[in-house]
């Protein structure tokens, strides 16, 4: 009888030991599975973060490219059909912007009117009907005909002549073999001889090619070989005066509003 009890006790102990072992093994497996799941989740989270970062970088690059492209003035050409007190009506014959009739609103502070033959400034009274080229600002009305304020208008273009090209330097000039190379913000490249004729616009200042630095705007006349023969340097970049004025006006308005809010009450 005692032997039977002893055997039962030993058998029960063995069963308990086996159960504990199985339970420990299962717990270990569960822990390993949980650890594996955590590692997998961390890996997936890191991959998602890398993907998001790459997407944001690509989006930023695309936005920068679009912003750069949008900052380059659209060049149109055609015929001037009417000149008013502060407008020029033209027939746009290019495939850029709105084709057909466009009204160019002239802003004396921000629109450059230049004679294609002399490079001298013009007034609306000097402009006659005939060929023109213009570089437009970013905004155009949805009216018919559409209206816009141009940065530059080149008029009095001779029938057998060419208009100067408006360019903003993307960087400083690069010199090589007696010539300079100018890369413009619109992606075009100009070849400029060392002895090119260069003059300022609306001033009598003495200027040289050393003044044609990054961000400087210019009008460039080219010969049949696409080499610059004449350059007129502009003061600043057309259109920036309006942007700066708008920014200053907005800043002053904000300052006035702040002053009004902080002004002590009078008893």
C-alpha atoms as a PDB file:
ATOM      1  CA  UNK A   1       0.000   0.000   0.000  1.00  0.00           C
ATOM      2  CA  UNK A   2       2.806   2.358   0.869  1.00  0.00           C
ATOM      3  CA  UNK A   3       4.593   1.390  -2.306  1.00  0.00           C
ATOM      4  CA  UNK A   4       1.499   2.259  -4.339  1.00  0.00           C
ATOM      5  CA  UNK A   5       1.252   5.652  -2.670  1.00  0.00           C
ATOM      6  CA  UNK A   6       4.922   6.292  -3.323  1.00  0.00           C
ATOM      7  CA  UNK A   7       4.497   5.418  -6.984  1.00  0.00           C
ATOM      8  CA  UNK A   8       1.481   7.712  -7.230  1.00  0.00           C
ATOM      9  CA  UNK A   9       3.389  10.552  -5.613  1.00  0.00           C
ATOM     10  CA  UNK A  10       6.357  10.047  -7.948  1.00  0.00           C
ATOM     11  CA  UNK A  11       4.022   9.888 -10.949  1.00  0.00           C
ATOM     12  CA  UNK A  12       2.255  13.069  -9.912  1.00  0.00           C
ATOM     13  CA  UNK A  13       5.584  14.829  -9.447  1.00  0.00           C
ATOM     14  CA  UNK A  14       6.728  13.761 -12.873  1.00  0.00           C
ATOM     15  CA  UNK A  15       3.511  15.056 -14.417  1.00  0.00           C
ATOM     16  CA  UNK A  16       3.905  18.383 -12.632  1.00  0.00           C
ATOM     17  CA  UNK A  17       7.531  18.668 -13.782  1.00  0.00           C
ATOM     18  CA  UNK A  18       6.549  17.930 -17.372  1.00  0.00           C
ATOM     19  CA  UNK A  19       3.707  20.450 -17.197  1.00  0.00           C
ATOM     20  CA  UNK A  20       6.030  23.095 -15.792  1.00  0.00           C
ATOM     21  CA  UNK A  21       8.568  22.365 -18.524  1.00  0.00           C
ATOM     22  CA  UNK A  22       5.916  22.622 -21.215  1.00  0.00           C
ATOM     23  CA  UNK A  23       4.618  25.835 -19.691  1.00  0.00           C
ATOM     24  CA  UNK A  24       8.124  27.328 -19.591  1.00  0.00           C
ATOM     25  CA  UNK A  25       8.780  26.297 -23.159  1.00  0.00           C
ATOM     26  CA  UNK A  26       5.503  27.836 -24.277  1.00  0.00           C
ATOM     27  CA  UNK A  27       6.288  31.026 -22.346  1.00  0.00           C
ATOM     28  CA  UNK A  28       9.722  31.172 -24.004  1.00  0.00           C
ATOM     29  CA  UNK A  29       8.180  30.645 -27.422  1.00  0.00           C
ATOM     30  CA  UNK A  30       5.561  33.326 -26.724  1.00  0.00           C
ATOM     31  CA  UNK A  31       8.304  35.718 -25.603  1.00  0.00           C
ATOM     32  CA  UNK A  32      10.344  34.999 -28.734  1.00  0.00           C
ATOM     33  CA  UNK A  33       7.262  35.511 -30.879  1.00  0.00           C
ATOM     34  CA  UNK A  34       6.528  38.797 -29.091  1.00  0.00           C
ATOM     35  CA  UNK A  35      10.142  39.954 -29.465  1.00  0.00           C
ATOM     36  CA  UNK A  36      10.095  39.019 -33.142  1.00  0.00           C
ATOM     37  CA  UNK A  37       6.849  40.970 -33.612  1.00  0.00           C
ATOM     38  CA  UNK A  38       8.333  44.048 -31.899  1.00  0.00           C
ATOM     39  CA  UNK A  39      11.474  43.889 -34.076  1.00  0.00           C
ATOM     40  CA  UNK A  40       9.330  43.505 -37.192  1.00  0.00           C
ATOM     41  CA  UNK A  41       7.162  46.462 -36.185  1.00  0.00           C
ATOM     42  CA  UNK A  42      10.249  48.595 -35.500  1.00  0.00           C
ATOM     43  CA  UNK A  43      11.691  47.638 -38.895  1.00  0.00           C
ATOM     44  CA  UNK A  44       8.451  48.464 -40.684  1.00  0.00           C
ATOM     45  CA  UNK A  45       8.199  51.771 -38.801  1.00  0.00           C
ATOM     46  CA  UNK A  46      11.774  52.679 -39.777  1.00  0.00           C
ATOM     47  CA  UNK A  47      11.084  51.755 -43.406  1.00  0.00           C
ATOM     48  CA  UNK A  48       7.931  53.888 -43.376  1.00  0.00           C
ATOM     49  CA  UNK A  49       9.872  56.799 -41.878  1.00  0.00           C
ATOM     50  CA  UNK A  50      12.576  56.456 -44.562  1.00  0.00           C
ATOM     51  CA  UNK A  51       9.900  56.302 -47.262  1.00  0.00           C
ATOM     52  CA  UNK A  52       8.144  59.389 -45.871  1.00  0.00           C
ATOM     53  CA  UNK A  53      11.446  61.275 -45.646  1.00  0.00           C
ATOM     54  CA  UNK A  54      12.298  60.381 -49.245  1.00  0.00           C
ATOM     55  CA  UNK A  55       8.824  61.449 -50.383  1.00  0.00           C
ATOM     56  CA  UNK A  56       9.127  64.773 -48.553  1.00  0.00           C
ATOM     57  CA  UNK A  57      12.553  65.401 -50.088  1.00  0.00           C
ATOM     58  CA  UNK A  58      11.250  64.639 -53.585  1.00  0.00           C
ATOM     59  CA  UNK A  59       8.250  66.894 -53.008  1.00  0.00           C
ATOM     60  CA  UNK A  60      10.550  69.664 -51.773  1.00  0.00           C
ATOM     61  CA  UNK A  61      12.755  69.329 -54.863  1.00  0.00           C
ATOM     62  CA  UNK A  62       9.689  69.400 -57.140  1.00  0.00           C
ATOM     63  CA  UNK A  63       8.353  72.489 -55.364  1.00  0.00           C
ATOM     64  CA  UNK A  64      11.749  74.202 -55.728  1.00  0.00           C
ATOM     65  CA  UNK A  65      11.846  73.332 -59.422  1.00  0.00           C
ATOM     66  CA  UNK A  66       8.284  74.600 -59.934  1.00  0.00           C
ATOM     67  CA  UNK A  67       9.051  77.779 -58.009  1.00  0.00           C
ATOM     68  CA  UNK A  68      12.174  78.395 -60.073  1.00  0.00           C
ATOM     69  CA  UNK A  69      10.280  77.767 -63.287  1.00  0.00           C
ATOM     70  CA  UNK A  70       7.436  80.044 -62.253  1.00  0.00           C
ATOM     71  CA  UNK A  71       9.865  82.881 -61.452  1.00  0.00           C
ATOM     72  CA  UNK A  72      11.117  83.037 -65.072  1.00  0.00           C
ATOM     73  CA  UNK A  73       9.123  85.649 -67.052  1.00  0.00           C
ATOM     74  CA  UNK A  74       7.165  84.359 -70.041  1.00  0.00           C
ATOM     75  CA  UNK A  75       8.441  85.810 -73.324  1.00  0.00           C
ATOM     76  CA  UNK A  76       5.836  86.734 -75.938  1.00  0.00           C
ATOM     77  CA  UNK A  77       6.055  88.518 -79.259  1.00  0.00           C
ATOM     78  CA  UNK A  78       3.793  89.810 -82.003  1.00  0.00           C
ATOM     79  CA  UNK A  79       2.370  93.140 -83.088  1.00  0.00           C
ATOM     80  CA  UNK A  80       1.379  96.278 -81.216  1.00  0.00           C
ATOM     81  CA  UNK A  81      -2.116  97.264 -82.334  1.00  0.00           C
ATOM     82  CA  UNK A  82      -2.920 100.186 -80.016  1.00  0.00           C
ATOM     83  CA  UNK A  83      -1.181 102.415 -77.468  1.00  0.00           C
ATOM     84  CA  UNK A  84      -3.234 104.043 -74.710  1.00  0.00           C
ATOM     85  CA  UNK A  85      -2.473 106.339 -71.779  1.00  0.00           C
ATOM     86  CA  UNK A  86      -1.170 103.512 -69.581  1.00  0.00           C
ATOM     87  CA  UNK A  87      -1.692 100.394 -71.691  1.00  0.00           C
ATOM     88  CA  UNK A  88      -0.417  98.715 -74.821  1.00  0.00           C
ATOM     89  CA  UNK A  89      -2.752  96.404 -76.738  1.00  0.00           C
ATOM     90  CA  UNK A  90      -0.908  93.665 -78.584  1.00  0.00           C
ATOM     91  CA  UNK A  91      -1.581  90.663 -80.783  1.00  0.00           C
ATOM     92  CA  UNK A  92       0.386  87.831 -79.190  1.00  0.00           C
ATOM     93  CA  UNK A  93       1.619  85.575 -81.992  1.00  0.00           C
ATOM     94  CA  UNK A  94       3.719  83.319 -79.791  1.00  0.00           C
ATOM     95  CA  UNK A  95       2.581  79.979 -78.361  1.00  0.00           C
ATOM     96  CA  UNK A  96       3.245  81.238 -74.835  1.00  0.00           C
ATOM     97  CA  UNK A  97       0.598  82.572 -72.465  1.00  0.00           C
ATOM     98  CA  UNK A  98      -2.732  83.630 -74.013  1.00  0.00           C
ATOM     99  CA  UNK A  99      -2.653  83.853 -77.799  1.00  0.00           C
ATOM    100  CA  UNK A 100      -4.268  86.741 -79.633  1.00  0.00           C
ATOM    101  CA  UNK A 101      -5.177  90.053 -78.043  1.00  0.00           C
ATOM    102  CA  UNK A 102      -3.607  90.968 -74.680  1.00  0.00           C
ATOM    103  CA  UNK A 103      -3.657  94.297 -72.866  1.00  0.00           C
ATOM    104  CA  UNK A 104      -0.292  95.151 -71.292  1.00  0.00           C
ATOM    105  CA  UNK A 105      -0.765  97.482 -68.328  1.00  0.00           C
ATOM    106  CA  UNK A 106       2.349  99.619 -67.956  1.00  0.00           C
ATOM    107  CA  UNK A 107       3.605 100.282 -64.417  1.00  0.00           C
ATOM    108  CA  UNK A 108       6.082 103.205 -64.613  1.00  0.00           C
ATOM    109  CA  UNK A 109       7.866 101.992 -61.486  1.00  0.00           C
ATOM    110  CA  UNK A 110       8.272  98.369 -62.528  1.00  0.00           C
ATOM    111  CA  UNK A 111       7.893  98.088 -66.303  1.00  0.00           C
ATOM    112  CA  UNK A 112      10.890  98.738 -68.541  1.00  0.00           C
ATOM    113  CA  UNK A 113      10.149 100.150 -72.000  1.00  0.00           C
ATOM    114  CA  UNK A 114      13.184  99.917 -74.247  1.00  0.00           C
ATOM    115  CA  UNK A 115      13.961 100.780 -77.847  1.00  0.00           C
ATOM    116  CA  UNK A 116      15.157  97.665 -79.676  1.00  0.00           C
ATOM    117  CA  UNK A 117      17.552  99.612 -81.881  1.00  0.00           C
ATOM    118  CA  UNK A 118      19.212 101.999 -79.420  1.00  0.00           C
ATOM    119  CA  UNK A 119      18.717 100.312 -76.058  1.00  0.00           C
ATOM    120  CA  UNK A 120      17.461 103.611 -74.652  1.00  0.00           C
ATOM    121  CA  UNK A 121      14.434 103.925 -72.360  1.00  0.00           C
ATOM    122  CA  UNK A 122      11.105 104.870 -73.915  1.00  0.00           C
ATOM    123  CA  UNK A 123       7.793 106.309 -72.802  1.00  0.00           C
ATOM    124  CA  UNK A 124       4.378 105.254 -74.051  1.00  0.00           C
ATOM    125  CA  UNK A 125       4.368 108.346 -76.258  1.00  0.00           C
ATOM    126  CA  UNK A 126       7.475 107.003 -78.043  1.00  0.00           C
ATOM    127  CA  UNK A 127       5.966 103.625 -78.871  1.00  0.00           C
ATOM    128  CA  UNK A 128       4.506 103.066 -82.303  1.00  0.00           C
ATOM    129  CA  UNK A 129       2.532 100.225 -83.810  1.00  0.00           C
ATOM    130  CA  UNK A 130       4.675  97.405 -85.059  1.00  0.00           C
ATOM    131  CA  UNK A 131       6.658  94.420 -83.824  1.00  0.00           C
ATOM    132  CA  UNK A 132       7.320  93.943 -80.133  1.00  0.00           C
ATOM    133  CA  UNK A 133       8.611  91.493 -77.569  1.00  0.00           C
ATOM    134  CA  UNK A 134       7.587  91.430 -73.920  1.00  0.00           C
ATOM    135  CA  UNK A 135       8.445  89.548 -70.747  1.00  0.00           C
ATOM    136  CA  UNK A 136       5.370  89.077 -68.603  1.00  0.00           C
ATOM    137  CA  UNK A 137       4.816  89.067 -64.885  1.00  0.00           C
ATOM    138  CA  UNK A 138       3.289  86.057 -63.095  1.00  0.00           C
ATOM    139  CA  UNK A 139      -0.316  87.339 -62.911  1.00  0.00           C
ATOM    140  CA  UNK A 140      -2.867  87.669 -65.705  1.00  0.00           C
ATOM    141  CA  UNK A 141      -6.590  88.459 -65.452  1.00  0.00           C
ATOM    142  CA  UNK A 142      -9.250  86.049 -66.704  1.00  0.00           C
ATOM    143  CA  UNK A 143     -11.004  88.857 -68.562  1.00  0.00           C
ATOM    144  CA  UNK A 144     -11.414  89.057 -72.324  1.00  0.00           C
ATOM    145  CA  UNK A 145      -9.044  90.276 -73.511  1.00  0.00           C
ATOM    146  CA  UNK A 146      -6.710  89.225 -70.672  1.00  0.00           C
ATOM    147  CA  UNK A 147      -4.601  91.883 -68.958  1.00  0.00           C
ATOM    148  CA  UNK A 148      -1.170  91.672 -67.352  1.00  0.00           C
ATOM    149  CA  UNK A 149       1.667  93.909 -66.200  1.00  0.00           C
ATOM    150  CA  UNK A 150       4.899  93.107 -68.080  1.00  0.00           C
ATOM    151  CA  UNK A 151       8.414  93.341 -66.675  1.00  0.00           C
ATOM    152  CA  UNK A 152       9.938  94.427 -69.996  1.00  0.00           C
ATOM    153  CA  UNK A 153       8.532  95.634 -73.314  1.00  0.00           C
ATOM    154  CA  UNK A 154      10.845  95.928 -76.319  1.00  0.00           C
ATOM    155  CA  UNK A 155       9.398  98.076 -79.102  1.00  0.00           C
ATOM    156  CA  UNK A 156      10.463  99.657 -82.403  1.00  0.00           C
ATOM    157  CA  UNK A 157      11.924  96.377 -83.625  1.00  0.00           C
ATOM    158  CA  UNK A 158      13.108  96.810 -87.237  1.00  0.00           C
ATOM    159  CA  UNK A 159      11.769  94.405 -89.845  1.00  0.00           C
ATOM    160  CA  UNK A 160      15.223  93.024 -90.592  1.00  0.00           C
ATOM    161  CA  UNK A 161      16.493  93.232 -87.012  1.00  0.00           C
ATOM    162  CA  UNK A 162      16.201  91.296 -83.783  1.00  0.00           C
ATOM    163  CA  UNK A 163      15.146  92.336 -80.308  1.00  0.00           C
ATOM    164  CA  UNK A 164      17.484  92.112 -77.314  1.00  0.00           C
ATOM    165  CA  UNK A 165      17.045  89.177 -74.955  1.00  0.00           C
ATOM    166  CA  UNK A 166      16.114  89.831 -71.341  1.00  0.00           C
ATOM    167  CA  UNK A 167      18.228  87.726 -68.982  1.00  0.00           C
ATOM    168  CA  UNK A 168      18.892  87.457 -65.252  1.00  0.00           C
ATOM    169  CA  UNK A 169      22.294  86.021 -64.350  1.00  0.00           C
ATOM    170  CA  UNK A 170      22.029  82.721 -62.472  1.00  0.00           C
ATOM    171  CA  UNK A 171      25.676  83.026 -61.456  1.00  0.00           C
ATOM    172  CA  UNK A 172      28.808  85.054 -62.046  1.00  0.00           C
ATOM    173  CA  UNK A 173      30.472  85.072 -65.460  1.00  0.00           C
ATOM    174  CA  UNK A 174      32.856  82.257 -66.323  1.00  0.00           C
ATOM    175  CA  UNK A 175      35.880  83.250 -68.436  1.00  0.00           C
ATOM    176  CA  UNK A 176      37.594  80.933 -70.912  1.00  0.00           C
ATOM    177  CA  UNK A 177      39.655  81.516 -74.089  1.00  0.00           C
ATOM    178  CA  UNK A 178      38.896  85.218 -74.379  1.00  0.00           C
ATOM    179  CA  UNK A 179      35.141  84.804 -73.919  1.00  0.00           C
ATOM    180  CA  UNK A 180      32.768  84.861 -70.991  1.00  0.00           C
ATOM    181  CA  UNK A 181      29.869  82.490 -70.496  1.00  0.00           C
ATOM    182  CA  UNK A 182      26.696  83.700 -68.823  1.00  0.00           C
ATOM    183  CA  UNK A 183      24.080  81.231 -67.610  1.00  0.00           C
ATOM    184  CA  UNK A 184      20.646  82.826 -67.167  1.00  0.00           C
ATOM    185  CA  UNK A 185      17.907  81.802 -64.759  1.00  0.00           C
ATOM    186  CA  UNK A 186      15.766  80.614 -67.689  1.00  0.00           C
ATOM    187  CA  UNK A 187      18.427  78.018 -68.522  1.00  0.00           C
ATOM    188  CA  UNK A 188      19.792  79.805 -71.570  1.00  0.00           C
ATOM    189  CA  UNK A 189      23.560  80.300 -71.976  1.00  0.00           C
ATOM    190  CA  UNK A 190      25.154  83.366 -73.588  1.00  0.00           C
ATOM    191  CA  UNK A 191      28.617  83.756 -75.079  1.00  0.00           C
ATOM    192  CA  UNK A 192      30.072  87.199 -74.350  1.00  0.00           C
ATOM    193  CA  UNK A 193      33.347  88.567 -75.830  1.00  0.00           C
ATOM    194  CA  UNK A 194      35.698  90.470 -73.527  1.00  0.00           C
ATOM    195  CA  UNK A 195      35.329  93.629 -75.652  1.00  0.00           C
ATOM    196  CA  UNK A 196      31.519  93.601 -75.842  1.00  0.00           C
ATOM    197  CA  UNK A 197      29.786  96.983 -75.725  1.00  0.00           C
ATOM    198  CA  UNK A 198      28.217  97.402 -72.302  1.00  0.00           C
ATOM    199  CA  UNK A 199      26.300 100.325 -70.818  1.00  0.00           C
ATOM    200  CA  UNK A 200      23.867 101.067 -67.963  1.00  0.00           C
ATOM    201  CA  UNK A 201      20.150 101.728 -68.317  1.00  0.00           C
ATOM    202  CA  UNK A 202      18.845 105.206 -67.394  1.00  0.00           C
ATOM    203  CA  UNK A 203      22.133 106.261 -65.763  1.00  0.00           C
ATOM    204  CA  UNK A 204      25.545 107.556 -66.795  1.00  0.00           C
ATOM    205  CA  UNK A 205      27.468 105.247 -64.496  1.00  0.00           C
ATOM    206  CA  UNK A 206      30.504 103.445 -65.836  1.00  0.00           C
ATOM    207  CA  UNK A 207      29.864  99.694 -65.902  1.00  0.00           C
ATOM    208  CA  UNK A 208      31.958  96.685 -66.940  1.00  0.00           C
ATOM    209  CA  UNK A 209      31.407  92.956 -67.253  1.00  0.00           C
ATOM    210  CA  UNK A 210      32.504  92.676 -63.637  1.00  0.00           C
ATOM    211  CA  UNK A 211      29.160  94.268 -62.746  1.00  0.00           C
ATOM    212  CA  UNK A 212      27.222  91.453 -64.420  1.00  0.00           C
ATOM    213  CA  UNK A 213      27.052  89.283 -61.319  1.00  0.00           C
ATOM    214  CA  UNK A 214      24.579  86.680 -60.045  1.00  0.00           C
ATOM    215  CA  UNK A 215      21.063  88.102 -59.815  1.00  0.00           C
ATOM    216  CA  UNK A 216      21.783  91.057 -62.121  1.00  0.00           C
ATOM    217  CA  UNK A 217      19.360  91.630 -64.992  1.00  0.00           C
ATOM    218  CA  UNK A 218      20.429  92.712 -68.475  1.00  0.00           C
ATOM    219  CA  UNK A 219      19.313  93.155 -72.053  1.00  0.00           C
ATOM    220  CA  UNK A 220      21.565  91.292 -74.489  1.00  0.00           C
ATOM    221  CA  UNK A 221      21.794  91.857 -78.244  1.00  0.00           C
ATOM    222  CA  UNK A 222      23.076  88.881 -80.262  1.00  0.00           C
ATOM    223  CA  UNK A 223      24.611  88.560 -83.725  1.00  0.00           C
ATOM    224  CA  UNK A 224      23.951  85.828 -86.283  1.00  0.00           C
ATOM    225  CA  UNK A 225      26.333  83.527 -84.394  1.00  0.00           C
ATOM    226  CA  UNK A 226      24.387  83.952 -81.145  1.00  0.00           C
ATOM    227  CA  UNK A 227      27.288  85.922 -79.646  1.00  0.00           C
ATOM    228  CA  UNK A 228      26.601  89.021 -77.590  1.00  0.00           C
ATOM    229  CA  UNK A 229      27.427  92.304 -79.335  1.00  0.00           C
ATOM    230  CA  UNK A 230      25.787  94.695 -76.879  1.00  0.00           C
ATOM    231  CA  UNK A 231      24.643  94.572 -73.260  1.00  0.00           C
ATOM    232  CA  UNK A 232      22.559  97.035 -71.273  1.00  0.00           C
ATOM    233  CA  UNK A 233      22.707  96.455 -67.519  1.00  0.00           C
ATOM    234  CA  UNK A 234      19.501  97.066 -65.599  1.00  0.00           C
ATOM    235  CA  UNK A 235      19.261  98.376 -62.065  1.00  0.00           C
ATOM    236  CA  UNK A 236      17.705  95.613 -59.995  1.00  0.00           C
ATOM    237  CA  UNK A 237      15.299  93.058 -61.443  1.00  0.00           C
ATOM    238  CA  UNK A 238      12.042  94.313 -63.034  1.00  0.00           C
ATOM    239  CA  UNK A 239       9.046  93.435 -60.878  1.00  0.00           C
ATOM    240  CA  UNK A 240      10.998  93.257 -57.635  1.00  0.00           C
ATOM    241  CA  UNK A 241      10.174  96.863 -56.741  1.00  0.00           C
ATOM    242  CA  UNK A 242       6.473  95.995 -56.703  1.00  0.00           C
ATOM    243  CA  UNK A 243       7.075  92.918 -54.542  1.00  0.00           C
ATOM    244  CA  UNK A 244       9.242  94.867 -52.124  1.00  0.00           C
ATOM    245  CA  UNK A 245       6.710  97.686 -51.969  1.00  0.00           C
ATOM    246  CA  UNK A 246       3.899  95.220 -51.275  1.00  0.00           C
ATOM    247  CA  UNK A 247       5.977  93.557 -48.570  1.00  0.00           C
ATOM    248  CA  UNK A 248       6.809  96.891 -46.966  1.00  0.00           C
ATOM    249  CA  UNK A 249       3.154  97.989 -47.098  1.00  0.00           C
ATOM    250  CA  UNK A 250       2.051  94.709 -45.482  1.00  0.00           C
ATOM    251  CA  UNK A 251       4.737  95.037 -42.808  1.00  0.00           C
ATOM    252  CA  UNK A 252       3.743  98.641 -42.042  1.00  0.00           C
ATOM    253  CA  UNK A 253       0.075  97.631 -41.847  1.00  0.00           C
ATOM    254  CA  UNK A 254       0.936  94.852 -39.406  1.00  0.00           C
ATOM    255  CA  UNK A 255       3.005  97.225 -37.283  1.00  0.00           C
ATOM    256  CA  UNK A 256       0.178  99.777 -37.213  1.00  0.00           C
ATOM    257  CA  UNK A 257      -2.281  97.096 -36.124  1.00  0.00           C
ATOM    258  CA  UNK A 258       0.077  95.976 -33.350  1.00  0.00           C
ATOM    259  CA  UNK A 259       0.517  99.568 -32.160  1.00  0.00           C
ATOM    260  CA  UNK A 260      -3.248 100.038 -32.088  1.00  0.00           C
ATOM    261  CA  UNK A 261      -3.667  96.906 -29.979  1.00  0.00           C
ATOM    262  CA  UNK A 262      -0.954  97.878 -27.497  1.00  0.00           C
ATOM    263  CA  UNK A 263      -1.923 101.565 -27.218  1.00  0.00           C
ATOM    264  CA  UNK A 264      -2.938 102.291 -23.582  1.00  0.00           C
ATOM    265  CA  UNK A 265      -6.503 103.331 -22.935  1.00  0.00           C
ATOM    266  CA  UNK A 266      -7.006 106.984 -22.160  1.00  0.00           C
ATOM    267  CA  UNK A 267      -9.044 107.783 -19.106  1.00  0.00           C
END
